[in-house]
Amino acid sequence: MVANTVITLRMDNALKAQVDTVAKELGRSRAWVINKALVDYIEDVEDIEIAKQRMADPKDAVVSLNDAMAQL
């Protein structure tokens, strides 16, 4: 079983209303929406950091968009 931790945060009323709207539309809790948003954001940040490291590595070849699309 995964352990959970309670975290308190402050957000403005407009953002809270947006979170509540999304939660209602998805049939999920406010906590689920916030947790999902954080997980997705952290994954994006990690992906960006990996991309930056690869771009800085002179041994890692850069592929143009056209070449990448041709390989698909």
N, C-alpha and C. Protein backbone atom coordinates (compact mmCIF):
# COMPACT_ATOMS: atom_id res chain seq x y z
N MET A 1 0.84 -1.18 0.00
CA MET A 1 0.00 0.00 0.00
C MET A 1 0.88 1.24 0.00
N VAL A 2 0.50 2.24 -0.79
CA VAL A 2 1.26 3.48 -0.89
C VAL A 2 0.88 4.39 0.27
N ALA A 3 1.89 4.93 0.94
CA ALA A 3 1.63 5.86 2.03
C ALA A 3 1.28 7.22 1.45
N ASN A 4 0.35 7.90 2.06
CA ASN A 4 -0.06 9.23 1.63
C ASN A 4 0.32 10.25 2.68
N THR A 5 0.59 11.45 2.22
CA THR A 5 0.91 12.56 3.10
C THR A 5 -0.04 13.71 2.80
N VAL A 6 -0.49 14.36 3.82
CA VAL A 6 -1.36 15.52 3.65
C VAL A 6 -0.50 16.77 3.53
N ILE A 7 -0.78 17.57 2.51
CA ILE A 7 -0.07 18.84 2.30
C ILE A 7 -1.12 19.93 2.19
N THR A 8 -0.88 21.03 2.85
CA THR A 8 -1.77 22.18 2.77
C THR A 8 -1.14 23.21 1.85
N LEU A 9 -1.96 23.79 0.97
CA LEU A 9 -1.43 24.83 0.10
C LEU A 9 -2.44 25.96 -0.02
N ARG A 10 -1.93 27.10 -0.42
CA ARG A 10 -2.79 28.26 -0.63
C ARG A 10 -2.88 28.52 -2.12
N MET A 11 -4.09 28.82 -2.59
CA MET A 11 -4.28 29.20 -3.99
C MET A 11 -5.38 30.24 -4.04
N ASP A 12 -5.34 31.05 -5.09
CA ASP A 12 -6.37 32.08 -5.17
C ASP A 12 -7.72 31.45 -5.53
N ASN A 13 -8.77 32.20 -5.29
CA ASN A 13 -10.12 31.67 -5.46
C ASN A 13 -10.42 31.28 -6.90
N ALA A 14 -9.87 32.01 -7.86
CA ALA A 14 -10.12 31.70 -9.27
C ALA A 14 -9.52 30.33 -9.63
N LEU A 15 -8.30 30.06 -9.16
CA LEU A 15 -7.68 28.77 -9.44
C LEU A 15 -8.45 27.65 -8.76
N LYS A 16 -8.87 27.88 -7.53
CA LYS A 16 -9.66 26.87 -6.81
C LYS A 16 -10.95 26.56 -7.57
N ALA A 17 -11.57 27.58 -8.10
CA ALA A 17 -12.79 27.38 -8.87
C ALA A 17 -12.51 26.55 -10.12
N GLN A 18 -11.38 26.80 -10.78
CA GLN A 18 -11.01 26.02 -11.95
C GLN A 18 -10.77 24.56 -11.58
N VAL A 19 -10.06 24.35 -10.50
CA VAL A 19 -9.80 22.97 -10.04
C VAL A 19 -11.12 22.28 -9.72
N ASP A 20 -12.00 22.96 -9.04
CA ASP A 20 -13.30 22.37 -8.69
C ASP A 20 -14.12 22.05 -9.93
N THR A 21 -14.06 22.92 -10.94
CA THR A 21 -14.79 22.67 -12.19
C THR A 21 -14.26 21.42 -12.88
N VAL A 22 -12.94 21.31 -12.98
CA VAL A 22 -12.33 20.14 -13.61
C VAL A 22 -12.67 18.89 -12.83
N ALA A 23 -12.59 18.95 -11.51
CA ALA A 23 -12.91 17.80 -10.67
C ALA A 23 -14.35 17.34 -10.90
N LYS A 24 -15.25 18.29 -10.96
CA LYS A 24 -16.66 17.95 -11.17
C LYS A 24 -16.86 17.33 -12.55
N GLU A 25 -16.23 17.91 -13.58
CA GLU A 25 -16.37 17.38 -14.94
C GLU A 25 -15.82 15.96 -15.05
N LEU A 26 -14.75 15.68 -14.33
CA LEU A 26 -14.13 14.36 -14.39
C LEU A 26 -14.73 13.37 -13.40
N GLY A 27 -15.54 13.87 -12.49
CA GLY A 27 -16.09 13.00 -11.45
C GLY A 27 -15.03 12.56 -10.46
N ARG A 28 -14.07 13.42 -10.23
CA ARG A 28 -12.95 13.13 -9.33
C ARG A 28 -12.93 14.16 -8.20
N SER A 29 -12.10 13.89 -7.22
CA SER A 29 -11.97 14.84 -6.11
C SER A 29 -11.00 15.96 -6.47
N ARG A 30 -11.09 17.04 -5.73
CA ARG A 30 -10.15 18.16 -5.89
C ARG A 30 -8.72 17.66 -5.66
N ALA A 31 -8.53 16.82 -4.65
CA ALA A 31 -7.19 16.29 -4.35
C ALA A 31 -6.64 15.49 -5.52
N TRP A 32 -7.50 14.69 -6.18
CA TRP A 32 -7.06 13.89 -7.32
C TRP A 32 -6.58 14.78 -8.45
N VAL A 33 -7.34 15.84 -8.74
CA VAL A 33 -6.98 16.76 -9.83
C VAL A 33 -5.65 17.45 -9.54
N ILE A 34 -5.46 17.92 -8.33
CA ILE A 34 -4.21 18.60 -7.96
C ILE A 34 -3.05 17.62 -8.01
N ASN A 35 -3.23 16.42 -7.49
CA ASN A 35 -2.18 15.41 -7.51
C ASN A 35 -1.79 15.05 -8.95
N LYS A 36 -2.80 14.85 -9.81
CA LYS A 36 -2.55 14.52 -11.22
C LYS A 36 -1.79 15.65 -11.91
N ALA A 37 -2.18 16.89 -11.64
CA ALA A 37 -1.50 18.04 -12.24
C ALA A 37 -0.04 18.10 -11.82
N LEU A 38 0.23 17.84 -10.55
CA LEU A 38 1.61 17.86 -10.06
C LEU A 38 2.44 16.73 -10.66
N VAL A 39 1.87 15.53 -10.73
CA VAL A 39 2.59 14.40 -11.32
C VAL A 39 2.94 14.71 -12.77
N ASP A 40 1.97 15.20 -13.54
CA ASP A 40 2.21 15.51 -14.95
C ASP A 40 3.26 16.62 -15.11
N TYR A 41 3.19 17.65 -14.26
CA TYR A 41 4.14 18.76 -14.32
C TYR A 41 5.56 18.26 -14.02
N ILE A 42 5.70 17.46 -13.00
CA ILE A 42 7.02 16.95 -12.63
C ILE A 42 7.59 16.08 -13.74
N GLU A 43 6.76 15.25 -14.36
CA GLU A 43 7.22 14.44 -15.50
C GLU A 43 7.69 15.33 -16.65
N ASP A 44 6.96 16.40 -16.92
CA ASP A 44 7.36 17.33 -17.99
C ASP A 44 8.69 17.99 -17.68
N VAL A 45 8.87 18.44 -16.44
CA VAL A 45 10.13 19.08 -16.05
C VAL A 45 11.29 18.09 -16.18
N GLU A 46 11.08 16.86 -15.76
CA GLU A 46 12.13 15.85 -15.88
C GLU A 46 12.47 15.59 -17.35
N ASP A 47 11.45 15.52 -18.21
CA ASP A 47 11.69 15.31 -19.64
C ASP A 47 12.48 16.47 -20.25
N ILE A 48 12.15 17.68 -19.85
CA ILE A 48 12.86 18.86 -20.35
C ILE A 48 14.33 18.83 -19.92
N GLU A 49 14.57 18.45 -18.69
CA GLU A 49 15.96 18.38 -18.20
C GLU A 49 16.75 17.32 -18.95
N ILE A 50 16.14 16.18 -19.23
CA ILE A 50 16.81 15.13 -20.00
C ILE A 50 17.13 15.65 -21.40
N ALA A 51 16.18 16.35 -22.02
CA ALA A 51 16.41 16.90 -23.36
C ALA A 51 17.55 17.92 -23.34
N LYS A 52 17.59 18.77 -22.33
CA LYS A 52 18.68 19.75 -22.22
C LYS A 52 20.03 19.06 -22.10
N GLN A 53 20.09 18.02 -21.28
CA GLN A 53 21.35 17.29 -21.11
C GLN A 53 21.79 16.65 -22.42
N ARG A 54 20.84 16.07 -23.13
CA ARG A 54 21.18 15.42 -24.41
C ARG A 54 21.64 16.45 -25.44
N MET A 55 20.99 17.61 -25.46
CA MET A 55 21.37 18.64 -26.42
C MET A 55 22.76 19.20 -26.11
N ALA A 56 23.13 19.18 -24.84
CA ALA A 56 24.44 19.69 -24.45
C ALA A 56 25.55 18.67 -24.68
N ASP A 57 25.19 17.42 -24.92
CA ASP A 57 26.17 16.35 -25.12
C ASP A 57 26.60 16.33 -26.59
N PRO A 58 27.86 16.69 -26.87
CA PRO A 58 28.30 16.74 -28.27
C PRO A 58 28.34 15.37 -28.93
N LYS A 59 28.34 14.31 -28.15
CA LYS A 59 28.35 12.96 -28.71
C LYS A 59 26.95 12.47 -29.08
N ASP A 60 25.92 13.18 -28.64
CA ASP A 60 24.55 12.80 -28.92
C ASP A 60 24.08 13.56 -30.17
N ALA A 61 23.83 12.83 -31.24
CA ALA A 61 23.46 13.46 -32.51
C ALA A 61 22.11 14.15 -32.41
N VAL A 62 22.02 15.32 -33.04
CA VAL A 62 20.77 16.06 -33.12
C VAL A 62 20.09 15.68 -34.42
N VAL A 63 18.80 15.36 -34.35
CA VAL A 63 18.03 14.96 -35.52
C VAL A 63 17.04 16.08 -35.84
N SER A 64 16.99 16.48 -37.11
CA SER A 64 16.07 17.55 -37.49
C SER A 64 14.63 17.03 -37.42
N LEU A 65 13.69 17.95 -37.34
CA LEU A 65 12.28 17.58 -37.31
C LEU A 65 11.91 16.80 -38.57
N ASN A 66 12.38 17.26 -39.72
CA ASN A 66 12.06 16.58 -40.98
C ASN A 66 12.59 15.14 -40.97
N ASP A 67 13.80 14.94 -40.48
CA ASP A 67 14.36 13.58 -40.40
C ASP A 67 13.58 12.71 -39.43
N ALA A 68 13.20 13.29 -38.31
CA ALA A 68 12.43 12.54 -37.32
C ALA A 68 11.06 12.14 -37.89
N MET A 69 10.41 13.07 -38.59
CA MET A 69 9.11 12.78 -39.18
C MET A 69 9.22 11.71 -40.27
N ALA A 70 10.33 11.74 -41.01
CA ALA A 70 10.54 10.75 -42.06
C ALA A 70 10.71 9.35 -41.48
N GLN A 71 11.24 9.27 -40.27
CA GLN A 71 11.45 7.97 -39.63
C GLN A 71 10.16 7.40 -39.05
N LEU A 72 9.15 8.23 -38.92
CA LEU A 72 7.86 7.76 -38.40
C LEU A 72 7.12 7.15 -39.51
